[in-house]
Amino acid sequence: MCRWVAYAGPAIFLEDLLFNQEHSLVQQSFAAREARWTTNADGFGVAWYGRRDAPGVFKDILPAWNDANLRAIASHIESDLFFAHVRSSTGTSVARSNCHPFSYRNWTFMHNGQIGGWTICRKDVESLISREHYVHRIGSTDSEALFLAALSNGLTDEPIAAMTRTIVQVIEIMQAHAIDEPLRLSAACTDGTSIWAFRYSSDDQSPSLYYGTPQLHAERLPGGAVSTIASEPSDSDSGRWHRIGERTGLKWSRGSVTHFDIEVPVTRALSPLHA
C-alpha cells in the first residue's frame, strides 16, 4: 500500500521533506518499513500552500526516486504546509489522475488503504457523491471517491463528522454486497491551516500512522510541538514519534494536536450481511 507524509510548521523546501531525512518519503517509495509491500512505485504527488488559497499540486506516474523533475522542483518550492504521497496501486490503473493528493478548492486529501471489493462496490460508493462534487471525479480510485463522498457529507464544515459518516456509509455498502475484504484507511485532509488525520479499519488492521517531529526539524520548533504526520517515522529516534491508535484520529493546529475517536458502530463494522 501507499506511504504519505503531511508537514506543517516553519517554512521548509520540499526537498527537505522528500529527500533530506534519514528515512525520507522517497526512500520509503522503494524501501518502506511498515507496509505490506516495500515498493511504492505507481506514481507520486505533492501539494503545497503558498500565497493563494488553493494548493499547488504536482503529480506523475514515474517512481518518486526516478523523476528528475521532482528532484528539480523540490529544491525550489518552499512552504509551511506540504502533503506528499507515493502510490502503490491496489488495482486501479497507473495514471496521473489516480495519483494523490486530491484537491478541491482550498482542501487537499490523501489516503493509504482500500475499500474491500472495490470493483463490486464502486457504483454504490460513487452514488454517495453529490452532483456538485461528482463533476470533480477525474480518476477511478476508491481514494478519490472517499474524498468526494466526504465533501458531499460536509467535510469543509465538519471534517471529523463527515469522514465518520462516509466510513459508515461505505461499510454499509460493503455489507450489502457481502464483501469479506476489509475497509482500511489512513487518511489526511487539510484546509491549508489545520490538518485532520484518520486511522480506521473494519478488521483492526489499519495501515500504520504516526505523528511527531523529525530530528531535522526539532531545533526550529518549540519543545513539544508537532510538525509531521506520516505513515512511517522519517528517522530512527523513536522518542520523537507517537503511533496513532486504531479507530482514532488527530487534529493538528499550530503545532499542537488533539485526539478523537472514530465512532463507527461495531455491529456495522464487523458483521457483514451475507445475502
Foldseek 3Di string as FASTA:
>chain_A
DKKKKKFADPKDFQCCQAPVFQCHRLNQCQANDFDPDSHQAQKKKKWADDDFLAIDMDIDRGRPVPDPVCVVRSVPDMHRIMIMMGHDDPDFHSDRLPHDFDDDRNKTKDKDWALFPCVVLVVVLLVLADPVQVVSNDGRGPRVSLVRSLVSQPCVNPVLVSSLVSVLSSLLSCLVVPGPDKTEIWMWMDSNAKIKIWGEMLVQPHQWKKWFDGPVCVVVDPPPFTTMIISDDRHDPCVGMDTDGYQKMWMDGPRDIDIDGSDHDNCSSHPRHDD
